[in-house]
Amino acid sequence: SANTINLNGWKFTDGSSTATLSNYNISPNQFLIICPIADTALFNIFGPTMGVSSFPSLNNTGDNLKLKNSSLVDIDSVNYSD
């Protein structure tokens, strides 16, 4: 987007578990690493990082990951498999 977006209340889900994002303004062309709270320090060296509780477990065989806005509209998704 060409706009700054506040991620407060957005959801990151794999369909079986969901993490709720906290108050964070993401600027155009910026990225944000989302990870479990316990791993935040490990990812900070790579860029802006947000630790979340209930981080979805990423299955080795594949999953469908979705990012939803606070109105629960699908914003983006990625499907991966082994």
PDB file of N, CA and C in Angstrom:
ATOM      1  N   SER A   1       0.834  -1.184   0.000  1.00  0.00           N
ATOM      2  CA  SER A   1       0.000   0.000   0.000  1.00  0.00           C
ATOM      3  C   SER A   1       0.876   1.244   0.000  1.00  0.00           C
ATOM      4  N   ALA A   2       0.350   2.303  -0.506  1.00  0.00           N
ATOM      5  CA  ALA A   2       1.047   3.587  -0.474  1.00  0.00           C
ATOM      6  C   ALA A   2       0.744   4.334   0.822  1.00  0.00           C
ATOM      7  N   ASN A   3      -0.039   3.719   1.694  1.00  0.00           N
ATOM      8  CA  ASN A   3      -0.455   4.353   2.939  1.00  0.00           C
ATOM      9  C   ASN A   3       0.152   3.655   4.147  1.00  0.00           C
ATOM     10  N   THR A   4       0.320   4.401   5.230  1.00  0.00           N
ATOM     11  CA  THR A   4       0.695   3.797   6.509  1.00  0.00           C
ATOM     12  C   THR A   4      -0.534   3.087   7.052  1.00  0.00           C
ATOM     13  N   ILE A   5      -0.332   1.872   7.576  1.00  0.00           N
ATOM     14  CA  ILE A   5      -1.447   1.068   8.071  1.00  0.00           C
ATOM     15  C   ILE A   5      -1.176   0.696   9.518  1.00  0.00           C
ATOM     16  N   ASN A   6      -2.179   0.881  10.379  1.00  0.00           N
ATOM     17  CA  ASN A   6      -2.071   0.448  11.765  1.00  0.00           C
ATOM     18  C   ASN A   6      -2.560  -0.991  11.848  1.00  0.00           C
ATOM     19  N   LEU A   7      -1.731  -1.869  12.382  1.00  0.00           N
ATOM     20  CA  LEU A   7      -2.034  -3.301  12.421  1.00  0.00           C
ATOM     21  C   LEU A   7      -2.782  -3.741  13.674  1.00  0.00           C
ATOM     22  N   ASN A   8      -3.165  -2.804  14.522  1.00  0.00           N
ATOM     23  CA  ASN A   8      -3.850  -3.154  15.761  1.00  0.00           C
ATOM     24  C   ASN A   8      -5.122  -3.958  15.483  1.00  0.00           C
ATOM     25  N   GLY A   9      -5.187  -5.158  16.055  1.00  0.00           N
ATOM     26  CA  GLY A   9      -6.359  -6.005  15.892  1.00  0.00           C
ATOM     27  C   GLY A   9      -6.331  -6.886  14.663  1.00  0.00           C
ATOM     28  N   TRP A  10      -5.310  -6.756  13.813  1.00  0.00           N
ATOM     29  CA  TRP A  10      -5.198  -7.631  12.651  1.00  0.00           C
ATOM     30  C   TRP A  10      -4.884  -9.042  13.129  1.00  0.00           C
ATOM     31  N   LYS A  11      -5.187 -10.041  12.307  1.00  0.00           N
ATOM     32  CA  LYS A  11      -5.016 -11.447  12.663  1.00  0.00           C
ATOM     33  C   LYS A  11      -4.064 -12.139  11.683  1.00  0.00           C
ATOM     34  N   PHE A  12      -3.233 -13.018  12.228  1.00  0.00           N
ATOM     35  CA  PHE A  12      -2.375 -13.905  11.444  1.00  0.00           C
ATOM     36  C   PHE A  12      -2.780 -15.315  11.821  1.00  0.00           C
ATOM     37  N   THR A  13      -3.235 -16.106  10.851  1.00  0.00           N
ATOM     38  CA  THR A  13      -3.828 -17.402  11.174  1.00  0.00           C
ATOM     39  C   THR A  13      -3.430 -18.488  10.180  1.00  0.00           C
ATOM     40  N   ASP A  14      -3.438 -19.709  10.669  1.00  0.00           N
ATOM     41  CA  ASP A  14      -3.277 -20.871   9.795  1.00  0.00           C
ATOM     42  C   ASP A  14      -4.582 -21.667   9.743  1.00  0.00           C
ATOM     43  N   GLY A  15      -5.650 -21.111  10.255  1.00  0.00           N
ATOM     44  CA  GLY A  15      -6.954 -21.761  10.253  1.00  0.00           C
ATOM     45  C   GLY A  15      -7.262 -22.502  11.537  1.00  0.00           C
ATOM     46  N   SER A  16      -6.228 -22.956  12.252  1.00  0.00           N
ATOM     47  CA  SER A  16      -6.474 -23.666  13.510  1.00  0.00           C
ATOM     48  C   SER A  16      -6.050 -22.841  14.723  1.00  0.00           C
ATOM     49  N   SER A  17      -5.142 -21.905  14.549  1.00  0.00           N
ATOM     50  CA  SER A  17      -4.781 -20.982  15.632  1.00  0.00           C
ATOM     51  C   SER A  17      -4.567 -19.596  15.041  1.00  0.00           C
ATOM     52  N   THR A  18      -4.785 -18.591  15.879  1.00  0.00           N
ATOM     53  CA  THR A  18      -4.756 -17.213  15.405  1.00  0.00           C
ATOM     54  C   THR A  18      -3.988 -16.333  16.372  1.00  0.00           C
ATOM     55  N   ALA A  19      -3.101 -15.516  15.821  1.00  0.00           N
ATOM     56  CA  ALA A  19      -2.381 -14.506  16.600  1.00  0.00           C
ATOM     57  C   ALA A  19      -2.994 -13.152  16.286  1.00  0.00           C
ATOM     58  N   THR A  20      -3.197 -12.354  17.316  1.00  0.00           N
ATOM     59  CA  THR A  20      -3.718 -11.000  17.131  1.00  0.00           C
ATOM     60  C   THR A  20      -2.572 -10.017  17.241  1.00  0.00           C
ATOM     61  N   LEU A  21      -2.441  -9.156  16.234  1.00  0.00           N
ATOM     62  CA  LEU A  21      -1.362  -8.181  16.211  1.00  0.00           C
ATOM     63  C   LEU A  21      -1.703  -6.989  17.086  1.00  0.00           C
ATOM     64  N   SER A  22      -0.671  -6.367  17.623  1.00  0.00           N
ATOM     65  CA  SER A  22      -0.861  -5.214  18.504  1.00  0.00           C
ATOM     66  C   SER A  22      -0.680  -3.914  17.726  1.00  0.00           C
ATOM     67  N   ASN A  23      -0.721  -2.816  18.428  1.00  0.00           N
ATOM     68  CA  ASN A  23      -0.639  -1.484  17.833  1.00  0.00           C
ATOM     69  C   ASN A  23       0.734  -1.276  17.194  1.00  0.00           C
ATOM     70  N   TYR A  24       0.763  -1.208  15.873  1.00  0.00           N
ATOM     71  CA  TYR A  24       2.003  -0.985  15.131  1.00  0.00           C
ATOM     72  C   TYR A  24       1.653  -0.323  13.811  1.00  0.00           C
ATOM     73  N   ASN A  25       2.306   0.781  13.507  1.00  0.00           N
ATOM     74  CA  ASN A  25       2.110   1.464  12.232  1.00  0.00           C
ATOM     75  C   ASN A  25       3.161   0.992  11.248  1.00  0.00           C
ATOM     76  N   ILE A  26       2.729   0.361  10.183  1.00  0.00           N
ATOM     77  CA  ILE A  26       3.648  -0.093   9.151  1.00  0.00           C
ATOM     78  C   ILE A  26       3.565   0.885   7.979  1.00  0.00           C
ATOM     79  N   SER A  27       4.711   1.399   7.594  1.00  0.00           N
ATOM     80  CA  SER A  27       4.795   2.404   6.538  1.00  0.00           C
ATOM     81  C   SER A  27       4.860   1.741   5.170  1.00  0.00           C
ATOM     82  N   PRO A  28       4.600   2.516   4.112  1.00  0.00           N
ATOM     83  CA  PRO A  28       4.726   1.962   2.759  1.00  0.00           C
ATOM     84  C   PRO A  28       6.127   1.378   2.548  1.00  0.00           C
ATOM     85  N   ASN A  29       6.182   0.231   1.885  1.00  0.00           N
ATOM     86  CA  ASN A  29       7.429  -0.467   1.555  1.00  0.00           C
ATOM     87  C   ASN A  29       8.195  -0.976   2.769  1.00  0.00           C
ATOM     88  N   GLN A  30       7.583  -0.990   3.928  1.00  0.00           N
ATOM     89  CA  GLN A  30       8.212  -1.519   5.131  1.00  0.00           C
ATOM     90  C   GLN A  30       7.761  -2.962   5.323  1.00  0.00           C
ATOM     91  N   PHE A  31       8.565  -3.747   6.011  1.00  0.00           N
ATOM     92  CA  PHE A  31       8.167  -5.102   6.364  1.00  0.00           C
ATOM     93  C   PHE A  31       8.201  -5.244   7.869  1.00  0.00           C
ATOM     94  N   LEU A  32       7.534  -6.261   8.370  1.00  0.00           N
ATOM     95  CA  LEU A  32       7.487  -6.552   9.793  1.00  0.00           C
ATOM     96  C   LEU A  32       7.584  -8.055   9.969  1.00  0.00           C
ATOM     97  N   ILE A  33       8.501  -8.496  10.802  1.00  0.00           N
ATOM     98  CA  ILE A  33       8.645  -9.910  11.111  1.00  0.00           C
ATOM     99  C   ILE A  33       7.706 -10.231  12.267  1.00  0.00           C
ATOM    100  N   ILE A  34       6.839 -11.213  12.074  1.00  0.00           N
ATOM    101  CA  ILE A  34       5.917 -11.646  13.124  1.00  0.00           C
ATOM    102  C   ILE A  34       6.386 -13.019  13.587  1.00  0.00           C
ATOM    103  N   CYS A  35       6.548 -13.157  14.892  1.00  0.00           N
ATOM    104  CA  CYS A  35       7.077 -14.407  15.447  1.00  0.00           C
ATOM    105  C   CYS A  35       6.516 -14.618  16.851  1.00  0.00           C
ATOM    106  N   PRO A  36       6.756 -15.803  17.443  1.00  0.00           N
ATOM    107  CA  PRO A  36       6.345 -16.004  18.837  1.00  0.00           C
ATOM    108  C   PRO A  36       7.086 -15.025  19.757  1.00  0.00           C
ATOM    109  N   ILE A  37       6.426 -14.607  20.821  1.00  0.00           N
ATOM    110  CA  ILE A  37       7.028 -13.658  21.758  1.00  0.00           C
ATOM    111  C   ILE A  37       8.406 -14.122  22.221  1.00  0.00           C
ATOM    112  N   ALA A  38       8.544 -15.411  22.517  1.00  0.00           N
ATOM    113  CA  ALA A  38       9.807 -15.948  23.040  1.00  0.00           C
ATOM    114  C   ALA A  38      10.952 -15.834  22.036  1.00  0.00           C
ATOM    115  N   ASP A  39      10.649 -15.677  20.746  1.00  0.00           N
ATOM    116  CA  ASP A  39      11.692 -15.626  19.719  1.00  0.00           C
ATOM    117  C   ASP A  39      11.998 -14.223  19.217  1.00  0.00           C
ATOM    118  N   THR A  40      11.380 -13.222  19.796  1.00  0.00           N
ATOM    119  CA  THR A  40      11.537 -11.853  19.313  1.00  0.00           C
ATOM    120  C   THR A  40      13.003 -11.430  19.252  1.00  0.00           C
ATOM    121  N   ALA A  41      13.768 -11.693  20.282  1.00  0.00           N
ATOM    122  CA  ALA A  41      15.180 -11.286  20.307  1.00  0.00           C
ATOM    123  C   ALA A  41      15.983 -11.960  19.195  1.00  0.00           C
ATOM    124  N   LEU A  42      15.609 -13.166  18.809  1.00  0.00           N
ATOM    125  CA  LEU A  42      16.315 -13.872  17.739  1.00  0.00           C
ATOM    126  C   LEU A  42      16.098 -13.219  16.375  1.00  0.00           C
ATOM    127  N   PHE A  43      14.920 -12.627  16.162  1.00  0.00           N
ATOM    128  CA  PHE A  43      14.595 -12.044  14.866  1.00  0.00           C
ATOM    129  C   PHE A  43      14.867 -10.544  14.775  1.00  0.00           C
ATOM    130  N   ASN A  44      15.049  -9.864  15.899  1.00  0.00           N
ATOM    131  CA  ASN A  44      15.289  -8.414  15.896  1.00  0.00           C
ATOM    132  C   ASN A  44      16.461  -8.014  15.004  1.00  0.00           C
ATOM    133  N   ILE A  45      17.462  -8.868  14.898  1.00  0.00           N
ATOM    134  CA  ILE A  45      18.638  -8.520  14.098  1.00  0.00           C
ATOM    135  C   ILE A  45      18.321  -8.422  12.608  1.00  0.00           C
ATOM    136  N   PHE A  46      17.180  -8.978  12.174  1.00  0.00           N
ATOM    137  CA  PHE A  46      16.817  -8.964  10.766  1.00  0.00           C
ATOM    138  C   PHE A  46      15.903  -7.798  10.388  1.00  0.00           C
ATOM    139  N   GLY A  47      15.380  -7.082  11.394  1.00  0.00           N
ATOM    140  CA  GLY A  47      14.514  -5.947  11.099  1.00  0.00           C
ATOM    141  C   GLY A  47      13.412  -5.801  12.125  1.00  0.00           C
ATOM    142  N   PRO A  48      12.457  -4.909  11.846  1.00  0.00           N
ATOM    143  CA  PRO A  48      11.348  -4.672  12.772  1.00  0.00           C
ATOM    144  C   PRO A  48      10.609  -5.976  13.069  1.00  0.00           C
ATOM    145  N   THR A  49      10.376  -6.221  14.354  1.00  0.00           N
ATOM    146  CA  THR A  49       9.821  -7.500  14.784  1.00  0.00           C
ATOM    147  C   THR A  49       8.694  -7.301  15.784  1.00  0.00           C
ATOM    148  N   MET A  50       7.643  -8.115  15.652  1.00  0.00           N
ATOM    149  CA  MET A  50       6.547  -8.116  16.616  1.00  0.00           C
ATOM    150  C   MET A  50       6.366  -9.538  17.123  1.00  0.00           C
ATOM    151  N   GLY A  51       6.526  -9.728  18.418  1.00  0.00           N
ATOM    152  CA  GLY A  51       6.242 -11.016  19.027  1.00  0.00           C
ATOM    153  C   GLY A  51       4.772 -11.103  19.396  1.00  0.00           C
ATOM    154  N   VAL A  52       4.161 -12.229  19.102  1.00  0.00           N
ATOM    155  CA  VAL A  52       2.740 -12.416  19.392  1.00  0.00           C
ATOM    156  C   VAL A  52       2.532 -13.723  20.155  1.00  0.00           C
ATOM    157  N   SER A  53       1.502 -13.751  20.985  1.00  0.00           N
ATOM    158  CA  SER A  53       1.122 -15.004  21.628  1.00  0.00           C
ATOM    159  C   SER A  53       0.240 -15.766  20.643  1.00  0.00           C
ATOM    160  N   SER A  54       0.094 -17.033  20.824  1.00  0.00           N
ATOM    161  CA  SER A  54      -0.719 -17.898  19.955  1.00  0.00           C
ATOM    162  C   SER A  54      -0.230 -17.878  18.508  1.00  0.00           C
ATOM    163  N   PHE A  55       1.095 -17.789  18.322  1.00  0.00           N
ATOM    164  CA  PHE A  55       1.643 -17.832  16.963  1.00  0.00           C
ATOM    165  C   PHE A  55       1.287 -19.181  16.337  1.00  0.00           C
ATOM    166  N   PRO A  56       0.714 -19.174  15.131  1.00  0.00           N
ATOM    167  CA  PRO A  56       0.331 -20.447  14.493  1.00  0.00           C
ATOM    168  C   PRO A  56       1.543 -21.358  14.309  1.00  0.00           C
ATOM    169  N   SER A  57       1.337 -22.644  14.532  1.00  0.00           N
ATOM    170  CA  SER A  57       2.415 -23.602  14.280  1.00  0.00           C
ATOM    171  C   SER A  57       2.472 -23.845  12.773  1.00  0.00           C
ATOM    172  N   LEU A  58       3.676 -23.767  12.230  1.00  0.00           N
ATOM    173  CA  LEU A  58       3.852 -23.942  10.797  1.00  0.00           C
ATOM    174  C   LEU A  58       4.127 -25.420  10.533  1.00  0.00           C
ATOM    175  N   ASN A  59       3.198 -26.080   9.891  1.00  0.00           N
ATOM    176  CA  ASN A  59       3.302 -27.514   9.652  1.00  0.00           C
ATOM    177  C   ASN A  59       4.344 -27.826   8.585  1.00  0.00           C
ATOM    178  N   ASN A  60       5.114 -28.880   8.804  1.00  0.00           N
ATOM    179  CA  ASN A  60       6.131 -29.280   7.836  1.00  0.00           C
ATOM    180  C   ASN A  60       5.522 -29.720   6.512  1.00  0.00           C
ATOM    181  N   THR A  61       4.300 -30.220   6.540  1.00  0.00           N
ATOM    182  CA  THR A  61       3.662 -30.727   5.327  1.00  0.00           C
ATOM    183  C   THR A  61       2.949 -29.646   4.532  1.00  0.00           C
ATOM    184  N   GLY A  62       2.808 -28.461   5.097  1.00  0.00           N
ATOM    185  CA  GLY A  62       2.159 -27.365   4.387  1.00  0.00           C
ATOM    186  C   GLY A  62       1.064 -26.732   5.213  1.00  0.00           C
ATOM    187  N   ASP A  63       0.646 -25.574   4.770  1.00  0.00           N
ATOM    188  CA  ASP A  63      -0.389 -24.826   5.479  1.00  0.00           C
ATOM    189  C   ASP A  63      -0.861 -23.690   4.595  1.00  0.00           C
ATOM    190  N   ASN A  64      -1.989 -23.099   4.963  1.00  0.00           N
ATOM    191  CA  ASN A  64      -2.498 -21.899   4.325  1.00  0.00           C
ATOM    192  C   ASN A  64      -2.479 -20.799   5.377  1.00  0.00           C
ATOM    193  N   LEU A  65      -1.575 -19.852   5.229  1.00  0.00           N
ATOM    194  CA  LEU A  65      -1.431 -18.757   6.183  1.00  0.00           C
ATOM    195  C   LEU A  65      -2.164 -17.540   5.653  1.00  0.00           C
ATOM    196  N   LYS A  66      -2.903 -16.868   6.547  1.00  0.00           N
ATOM    197  CA  LYS A  66      -3.678 -15.692   6.136  1.00  0.00           C
ATOM    198  C   LYS A  66      -3.414 -14.517   7.062  1.00  0.00           C
ATOM    199  N   LEU A  67      -3.448 -13.341   6.480  1.00  0.00           N
ATOM    200  CA  LEU A  67      -3.401 -12.087   7.219  1.00  0.00           C
ATOM    201  C   LEU A  67      -4.747 -11.414   7.003  1.00  0.00           C
ATOM    202  N   LYS A  68      -5.433 -11.113   8.109  1.00  0.00           N
ATOM    203  CA  LYS A  68      -6.765 -10.507   8.049  1.00  0.00           C
ATOM    204  C   LYS A  68      -6.738  -9.164   8.763  1.00  0.00           C
ATOM    205  N   ASN A  69      -7.468  -8.196   8.240  1.00  0.00           N
ATOM    206  CA  ASN A  69      -7.522  -6.909   8.925  1.00  0.00           C
ATOM    207  C   ASN A  69      -8.454  -6.988  10.125  1.00  0.00           C
ATOM    208  N   SER A  70      -8.606  -5.886  10.845  1.00  0.00           N
ATOM    209  CA  SER A  70      -9.419  -5.899  12.068  1.00  0.00           C
ATOM    210  C   SER A  70     -10.896  -6.169  11.795  1.00  0.00           C
ATOM    211  N   SER A  71     -11.330  -6.037  10.542  1.00  0.00           N
ATOM    212  CA  SER A  71     -12.700  -6.380  10.164  1.00  0.00           C
ATOM    213  C   SER A  71     -12.801  -7.818   9.674  1.00  0.00           C
ATOM    214  N   LEU A  72     -11.692  -8.568   9.799  1.00  0.00           N
ATOM    215  CA  LEU A  72     -11.572  -9.978   9.407  1.00  0.00           C
ATOM    216  C   LEU A  72     -11.697 -10.209   7.905  1.00  0.00           C
ATOM    217  N   VAL A  73     -11.347  -9.196   7.126  1.00  0.00           N
ATOM    218  CA  VAL A  73     -11.275  -9.334   5.677  1.00  0.00           C
ATOM    219  C   VAL A  73      -9.895  -9.878   5.332  1.00  0.00           C
ATOM    220  N   ASP A  74      -9.823 -10.916   4.484  1.00  0.00           N
ATOM    221  CA  ASP A  74      -8.533 -11.452   4.057  1.00  0.00           C
ATOM    222  C   ASP A  74      -7.757 -10.376   3.289  1.00  0.00           C
ATOM    223  N   ILE A  75      -6.553 -10.062   3.764  1.00  0.00           N
ATOM    224  CA  ILE A  75      -5.692  -9.092   3.112  1.00  0.00           C
ATOM    225  C   ILE A  75      -4.690  -9.803   2.218  1.00  0.00           C
ATOM    226  N   ASP A  76      -4.136 -10.886   2.707  1.00  0.00           N
ATOM    227  CA  ASP A  76      -3.171 -11.664   1.934  1.00  0.00           C
ATOM    228  C   ASP A  76      -3.132 -13.074   2.467  1.00  0.00           C
ATOM    229  N   SER A  77      -2.670 -13.992   1.628  1.00  0.00           N
ATOM    230  CA  SER A  77      -2.514 -15.372   2.076  1.00  0.00           C
ATOM    231  C   SER A  77      -1.404 -16.035   1.265  1.00  0.00           C
ATOM    232  N   VAL A  78      -0.855 -17.083   1.845  1.00  0.00           N
ATOM    233  CA  VAL A  78       0.143 -17.873   1.142  1.00  0.00           C
ATOM    234  C   VAL A  78      -0.089 -19.332   1.486  1.00  0.00           C
ATOM    235  N   ASN A  79      -0.030 -20.159   0.485  1.00  0.00           N
ATOM    236  CA  ASN A  79      -0.189 -21.600   0.663  1.00  0.00           C
ATOM    237  C   ASN A  79       1.178 -22.213   0.399  1.00  0.00           C
ATOM    238  N   TYR A  80       1.666 -23.050   1.292  1.00  0.00           N
ATOM    239  CA  TYR A  80       2.940 -23.711   1.056  1.00  0.00           C
ATOM    240  C   TYR A  80       2.800 -25.191   1.344  1.00  0.00           C
ATOM    241  N   SER A  81       3.678 -25.979   0.745  1.00  0.00           N
ATOM    242  CA  SER A  81       3.699 -27.414   0.999  1.00  0.00           C
ATOM    243  C   SER A  81       5.134 -27.906   0.869  1.00  0.00           C
ATOM    244  N   ASP A  82       5.344 -29.103   1.383  1.00  0.00           N
ATOM    245  CA  ASP A  82       6.696 -29.657   1.301  1.00  0.00           C
ATOM    246  C   ASP A  82       6.943 -30.180  -0.099  1.00  0.00           C
TER     247      ASP A  82
END
